[in-house]
């Protein structure tokens, strides 16, 4: 599978549908942002950006 440029999947619900269809979602937000209003996306791979920098 080719690598793709970062993109915004839209809402957590839209991202969850994409994951259910086989997409791989990497959520790079810190915990406090994932816990905010939008919440977490089921099935997302969590790798905080600070771990990538």
N, C-alpha and C. Protein backbone atom coordinates (compact mmCIF):
# COMPACT_ATOMS: atom_id res chain seq x y z
N UNK A 1 0.85 -1.18 0.00
CA UNK A 1 0.00 0.00 0.00
C UNK A 1 0.89 1.23 0.00
N UNK A 2 0.65 2.18 -0.88
CA UNK A 2 1.49 3.38 -0.94
C UNK A 2 1.25 4.30 0.25
N UNK A 3 2.28 5.02 0.63
CA UNK A 3 2.13 6.03 1.68
C UNK A 3 1.39 7.22 1.11
N UNK A 4 0.63 7.86 1.94
CA UNK A 4 -0.13 9.02 1.50
C UNK A 4 0.22 10.22 2.36
N UNK A 5 0.03 11.38 1.81
CA UNK A 5 0.27 12.61 2.55
C UNK A 5 -0.76 12.74 3.66
N UNK A 6 -0.40 13.42 4.74
CA UNK A 6 -1.36 13.64 5.82
C UNK A 6 -2.61 14.34 5.30
N UNK A 7 -3.72 13.97 5.84
CA UNK A 7 -4.97 14.63 5.45
C UNK A 7 -5.92 14.61 6.63
N UNK A 8 -6.90 15.44 6.55
CA UNK A 8 -7.93 15.49 7.57
C UNK A 8 -9.08 14.61 7.13
N UNK A 9 -9.44 13.67 7.95
CA UNK A 9 -10.50 12.73 7.60
C UNK A 9 -11.88 13.31 7.89
N UNK A 10 -11.94 14.49 8.46
CA UNK A 10 -13.24 15.07 8.80
C UNK A 10 -13.58 14.77 10.25
N UNK A 11 -14.81 14.44 10.50
CA UNK A 11 -15.25 14.17 11.86
C UNK A 11 -14.81 12.78 12.31
N UNK A 12 -14.83 12.54 13.62
CA UNK A 12 -14.52 11.20 14.11
C UNK A 12 -15.45 10.13 13.52
N UNK A 13 -16.71 10.48 13.31
CA UNK A 13 -17.64 9.51 12.71
C UNK A 13 -17.25 9.16 11.28
N UNK A 14 -16.84 10.17 10.49
CA UNK A 14 -16.40 9.92 9.12
C UNK A 14 -15.13 9.07 9.11
N UNK A 15 -14.22 9.36 10.03
CA UNK A 15 -12.98 8.59 10.12
C UNK A 15 -13.28 7.15 10.53
N UNK A 16 -14.22 6.95 11.45
CA UNK A 16 -14.58 5.60 11.88
C UNK A 16 -15.15 4.79 10.72
N UNK A 17 -15.92 5.42 9.86
CA UNK A 17 -16.46 4.73 8.67
C UNK A 17 -15.30 4.34 7.75
N UNK A 18 -14.36 5.25 7.55
CA UNK A 18 -13.21 4.95 6.70
C UNK A 18 -12.39 3.79 7.27
N UNK A 19 -12.18 3.78 8.59
CA UNK A 19 -11.45 2.69 9.24
C UNK A 19 -12.21 1.38 9.07
N UNK A 20 -13.53 1.42 9.21
CA UNK A 20 -14.34 0.21 9.04
C UNK A 20 -14.24 -0.33 7.62
N UNK A 21 -13.95 0.54 6.66
CA UNK A 21 -13.81 0.12 5.26
C UNK A 21 -12.37 -0.28 4.92
N UNK A 22 -11.48 -0.29 5.93
CA UNK A 22 -10.13 -0.76 5.71
C UNK A 22 -9.04 0.30 5.75
N UNK A 23 -9.41 1.56 5.92
CA UNK A 23 -8.40 2.62 6.00
C UNK A 23 -7.63 2.48 7.31
N UNK A 24 -6.43 2.96 7.30
CA UNK A 24 -5.62 3.02 8.52
C UNK A 24 -5.50 4.47 8.92
N UNK A 25 -5.88 4.75 10.13
CA UNK A 25 -5.87 6.12 10.63
C UNK A 25 -4.87 6.23 11.75
N UNK A 26 -3.93 7.15 11.62
CA UNK A 26 -2.98 7.42 12.68
C UNK A 26 -3.35 8.77 13.28
N UNK A 27 -3.67 8.75 14.55
CA UNK A 27 -4.06 9.97 15.27
C UNK A 27 -2.83 10.48 16.01
N UNK A 28 -2.33 11.65 15.62
CA UNK A 28 -1.12 12.20 16.22
C UNK A 28 -1.41 13.27 17.28
N UNK A 29 -2.68 13.44 17.62
CA UNK A 29 -3.03 14.46 18.62
C UNK A 29 -2.61 14.00 20.01
N UNK A 30 -2.21 14.95 20.88
CA UNK A 30 -1.92 14.58 22.27
C UNK A 30 -3.20 14.18 22.99
N UNK A 31 -3.03 13.47 24.09
CA UNK A 31 -4.18 12.95 24.85
C UNK A 31 -5.21 14.02 25.17
N UNK A 32 -4.75 15.23 25.61
CA UNK A 32 -5.71 16.25 26.00
C UNK A 32 -6.58 16.68 24.83
N UNK A 33 -6.05 16.66 23.61
CA UNK A 33 -6.87 17.01 22.45
C UNK A 33 -7.81 15.87 22.07
N UNK A 34 -7.37 14.63 22.21
CA UNK A 34 -8.26 13.51 21.92
C UNK A 34 -9.41 13.45 22.90
N UNK A 35 -9.18 13.92 24.13
CA UNK A 35 -10.21 13.90 25.16
C UNK A 35 -11.18 15.07 25.03
N UNK A 36 -10.87 16.02 24.16
CA UNK A 36 -11.72 17.20 23.97
C UNK A 36 -13.03 16.82 23.28
N UNK A 37 -13.75 17.80 22.83
CA UNK A 37 -15.11 17.62 22.29
C UNK A 37 -15.21 16.56 21.19
N UNK A 38 -14.22 16.48 20.27
CA UNK A 38 -14.32 15.52 19.17
C UNK A 38 -14.07 14.09 19.62
N UNK A 39 -13.31 13.91 20.67
CA UNK A 39 -13.06 12.58 21.20
C UNK A 39 -12.12 11.74 20.35
N UNK A 40 -12.06 10.45 20.66
CA UNK A 40 -11.20 9.52 19.95
C UNK A 40 -11.96 8.80 18.85
N UNK A 41 -11.22 8.31 17.88
CA UNK A 41 -11.81 7.56 16.78
C UNK A 41 -11.53 6.07 17.01
N UNK A 42 -12.58 5.26 17.14
CA UNK A 42 -12.37 3.83 17.32
C UNK A 42 -11.55 3.25 16.17
N UNK A 43 -10.56 2.43 16.49
CA UNK A 43 -9.74 1.80 15.47
C UNK A 43 -8.53 2.59 15.06
N UNK A 44 -8.39 3.82 15.56
CA UNK A 44 -7.24 4.65 15.20
C UNK A 44 -5.98 4.14 15.89
N UNK A 45 -4.86 4.27 15.19
CA UNK A 45 -3.56 3.97 15.77
C UNK A 45 -3.08 5.26 16.41
N UNK A 46 -2.77 5.22 17.70
CA UNK A 46 -2.38 6.42 18.44
C UNK A 46 -0.85 6.52 18.50
N UNK A 47 -0.30 7.54 17.88
CA UNK A 47 1.12 7.85 17.98
C UNK A 47 1.19 9.37 18.13
N UNK A 48 1.43 9.82 19.36
CA UNK A 48 1.44 11.26 19.59
C UNK A 48 2.57 11.90 18.80
N UNK A 49 2.30 13.09 18.29
CA UNK A 49 3.27 13.79 17.46
C UNK A 49 4.61 13.97 18.17
N UNK A 50 4.57 14.19 19.48
CA UNK A 50 5.81 14.39 20.23
C UNK A 50 6.72 13.16 20.14
N UNK A 51 6.14 12.00 19.90
CA UNK A 51 6.94 10.78 19.74
C UNK A 51 7.58 10.72 18.35
N UNK A 52 7.04 11.46 17.41
CA UNK A 52 7.56 11.45 16.04
C UNK A 52 8.59 12.54 15.79
N UNK A 53 8.56 13.58 16.59
CA UNK A 53 9.48 14.71 16.39
C UNK A 53 10.88 14.37 16.81
